[in-house]
Amino acid sequence: MAHHTGTHVVFASCRRVLGPHIWQAGAKKTTDQAHLDITHYKSLTKEEEAAIENQANRLINECVDINKGFMNKQEAELKYGFSLYQGGVVPGNQLRVVSIDGVDTEACCGTHADNTAEVGWVRILKSQRISDGIVRLYYVARDRAIEVMNNEAKILNSLCDTWGVDQG
């Protein structure tokens, strides 16, 4: 659930940081980690990765409500436009619409939190250009994000001890 809802948060953050040309080109969510494929004309810099991660965590910390419900497809398209279909066009006349108030609205049948705070934390692991115009962001959320950050702190502490560097 954290990785699935986190995908919506990371996607919205990519649009806020990189611009409105960003479109979802694919995604995969497991219990271990997730990735999001976005349309973008170049590889991301470390600064852009950090800006996306910071924006995602700001959205999470704002504790925004997440509304889920079914809508007639035609009404949903009139209200939200075709940006509903970030994950692809959904067959049928009814759509399950997931809306993070003021952040992201998509047709989506996955498991979602009731509030962005339930995502816990997002940590972007890396990004890579996987084809012309497509960038993949790998990330973790909630407990997995904490595990990754704790492991990164251990590595940093070990390196500082080895090199005699004071983090103070």
Protein backbone atom coordinates (compact mmCIF):
# COMPACT_ATOMS: atom_id res chain seq x y z
CA MET A 1 0.00 0.00 0.00
CA ALA A 2 2.80 2.45 0.85
CA HIS A 3 4.59 1.84 -2.44
CA HIS A 4 1.35 2.07 -4.43
CA THR A 5 0.24 5.34 -2.85
CA GLY A 6 3.87 6.47 -2.96
CA THR A 7 3.78 6.11 -6.75
CA HIS A 8 1.04 8.75 -6.93
CA VAL A 9 3.04 11.02 -4.62
CA VAL A 10 6.32 10.55 -6.51
CA PHE A 11 4.57 11.13 -9.84
CA ALA A 12 2.96 14.36 -8.61
CA SER A 13 6.35 15.45 -7.24
CA CYS A 14 8.01 14.78 -10.61
CA ARG A 15 5.45 17.01 -12.31
CA ARG A 16 5.98 19.77 -9.73
CA VAL A 17 9.78 19.63 -9.95
CA LEU A 18 10.36 18.82 -13.63
CA GLY A 19 7.27 20.32 -15.27
CA PRO A 20 3.89 19.53 -16.78
CA HIS A 21 5.37 17.49 -19.66
CA ILE A 22 5.85 14.58 -17.26
CA TRP A 23 3.58 11.64 -17.98
CA GLN A 24 3.60 8.18 -16.39
CA ALA A 25 5.02 5.63 -18.81
CA GLY A 26 4.91 2.64 -16.46
CA ALA A 27 5.28 1.55 -12.86
CA LYS A 28 5.96 -1.51 -10.72
CA LYS A 29 5.22 -1.86 -7.03
CA THR A 30 6.37 -4.71 -4.80
CA THR A 31 6.72 -5.01 -1.03
CA ASP A 32 10.50 -4.53 -1.38
CA GLN A 33 10.64 -1.45 -3.63
CA ALA A 34 8.92 0.33 -6.49
CA HIS A 35 9.81 2.10 -9.68
CA LEU A 36 8.07 4.74 -11.74
CA ASP A 37 8.77 5.38 -15.41
CA ILE A 38 8.20 8.96 -16.53
CA THR A 39 8.49 10.79 -19.82
CA HIS A 40 11.42 13.18 -19.70
CA TYR A 41 13.93 14.38 -22.27
CA LYS A 42 17.11 13.72 -20.29
CA SER A 43 18.57 11.81 -17.37
CA LEU A 44 17.97 13.23 -13.91
CA THR A 45 20.72 14.90 -11.94
CA LYS A 46 21.33 14.07 -8.28
CA GLU A 47 19.93 17.53 -7.47
CA GLU A 48 16.71 16.76 -9.37
CA GLU A 49 16.40 13.39 -7.61
CA ALA A 50 16.79 15.15 -4.25
CA ALA A 51 14.25 17.83 -5.20
CA ILE A 52 11.70 15.16 -6.20
CA GLU A 53 12.32 13.22 -2.98
CA ASN A 54 12.00 16.40 -0.87
CA GLN A 55 8.77 17.39 -2.64
CA ALA A 56 7.35 13.88 -2.14
CA ASN A 57 8.13 13.96 1.57
CA ARG A 58 6.59 17.43 1.90
CA LEU A 59 3.38 16.09 0.34
CA ILE A 60 3.45 13.12 2.71
CA ASN A 61 3.98 15.39 5.73
CA GLU A 62 1.04 17.59 4.69
CA CYS A 63 -1.24 14.65 5.61
CA VAL A 64 -3.45 15.08 2.54
CA ASP A 65 -6.63 13.00 2.42
CA ILE A 66 -6.95 10.39 -0.32
CA ASN A 67 -10.44 9.83 -1.71
CA LYS A 68 -11.39 6.66 -3.56
CA GLY A 69 -14.65 5.95 -5.32
CA PHE A 70 -16.34 4.83 -8.51
CA MET A 71 -17.46 7.26 -11.19
CA ASN A 72 -19.10 7.00 -14.57
CA LYS A 73 -16.25 7.03 -17.11
CA GLN A 74 -17.71 9.89 -19.17
CA GLU A 75 -18.33 12.06 -16.09
CA ALA A 76 -14.83 11.37 -14.78
CA GLU A 77 -13.27 12.30 -18.13
CA LEU A 78 -15.27 15.53 -18.27
CA LYS A 79 -14.27 16.44 -14.72
CA TYR A 80 -10.59 15.39 -14.74
CA GLY A 81 -9.60 15.01 -18.40
CA PHE A 82 -7.42 12.28 -19.82
CA SER A 83 -4.75 12.74 -17.17
CA LEU A 84 -6.89 10.17 -15.34
CA TYR A 85 -5.17 7.54 -17.43
CA GLN A 86 -1.59 7.93 -16.24
CA GLY A 87 -1.43 4.17 -15.70
CA GLY A 88 -3.16 3.43 -19.01
CA VAL A 89 -6.73 3.49 -20.28
CA VAL A 90 -9.17 1.51 -18.13
CA PRO A 91 -11.84 -0.60 -19.88
CA GLY A 92 -15.51 -0.41 -18.96
CA ASN A 93 -17.99 2.35 -18.19
CA GLN A 94 -17.09 2.74 -14.50
CA LEU A 95 -13.76 3.99 -13.17
CA ARG A 96 -12.32 3.72 -9.70
CA VAL A 97 -10.97 7.23 -9.20
CA VAL A 98 -8.25 7.88 -6.64
CA SER A 99 -7.78 11.53 -5.75
CA ILE A 100 -5.15 13.02 -3.50
CA ASP A 101 -6.76 16.41 -2.86
CA GLY A 102 -5.01 19.07 -4.94
CA VAL A 103 -2.14 16.72 -5.79
CA ASP A 104 -3.10 13.91 -8.18
CA THR A 105 -6.26 12.27 -9.55
CA GLU A 106 -6.09 9.03 -11.53
CA ALA A 107 -8.16 6.01 -12.47
CA CYS A 108 -6.53 3.28 -10.39
CA CYS A 109 -7.61 -0.02 -8.86
CA GLY A 110 -4.62 -0.56 -6.57
CA THR A 111 -4.47 -0.52 -2.79
CA HIS A 112 -4.22 2.99 -1.40
CA ALA A 113 -3.80 4.68 1.94
CA ASP A 114 -6.49 7.02 3.28
CA ASN A 115 -4.00 9.83 3.87
CA THR A 116 -0.55 10.66 2.47
CA ALA A 117 0.90 10.41 5.99
CA GLU A 118 0.43 6.63 5.80
CA VAL A 119 3.16 6.47 3.13
CA GLY A 120 5.58 7.28 5.95
CA TRP A 121 8.60 8.45 4.02
CA VAL A 122 9.94 8.15 0.47
CA ARG A 123 13.60 7.54 -0.35
CA ILE A 124 14.69 7.67 -3.98
CA LEU A 125 17.36 5.05 -4.54
CA LYS A 126 18.41 6.01 -8.07
CA SER A 127 17.16 7.01 -11.47
CA GLN A 128 18.23 5.92 -14.92
CA ARG A 129 17.30 6.66 -18.48
CA ILE A 130 15.88 3.37 -19.79
CA SER A 131 15.06 4.52 -23.33
CA ASP A 132 14.81 7.67 -25.39
CA GLY A 133 12.46 9.96 -23.47
CA ILE A 134 11.84 7.59 -20.53
CA VAL A 135 13.44 7.88 -17.08
CA ARG A 136 12.92 5.27 -14.35
CA LEU A 137 12.99 6.27 -10.68
CA TYR A 138 13.58 3.51 -8.12
CA TYR A 139 12.32 4.26 -4.63
CA VAL A 140 11.16 2.81 -1.33
CA ALA A 141 8.50 3.97 1.12
CA ARG A 142 7.46 3.58 4.74
CA ASP A 143 9.38 0.86 6.64
CA ARG A 144 11.60 0.06 3.65
CA ALA A 145 12.62 3.73 3.45
CA ILE A 146 13.60 3.66 7.13
CA GLU A 147 15.64 0.47 6.58
CA VAL A 148 17.46 2.04 3.62
CA MET A 149 18.18 5.29 5.48
CA ASN A 150 19.45 3.40 8.53
CA ASN A 151 21.76 1.35 6.29
CA GLU A 152 23.02 4.52 4.59
CA ALA A 153 23.75 6.04 8.02
CA LYS A 154 25.77 2.92 9.00
CA ILE A 155 27.82 3.18 5.81
CA LEU A 156 28.43 6.90 6.35
CA ASN A 157 29.45 6.35 9.99
CA SER A 158 31.81 3.55 8.99
CA LEU A 159 33.43 5.69 6.30
CA CYS A 160 33.79 8.62 8.69
CA ASP A 161 35.40 6.35 11.28
CA THR A 162 37.76 4.87 8.68
CA TRP A 163 38.82 8.30 7.37
CA GLY A 164 38.79 10.04 10.75
CA VAL A 165 36.14 12.54 9.67
CA ASP A 166 34.01 14.26 12.30
CA GLN A 167 30.36 14.56 11.20
CA GLY A 168 29.68 17.13 13.91
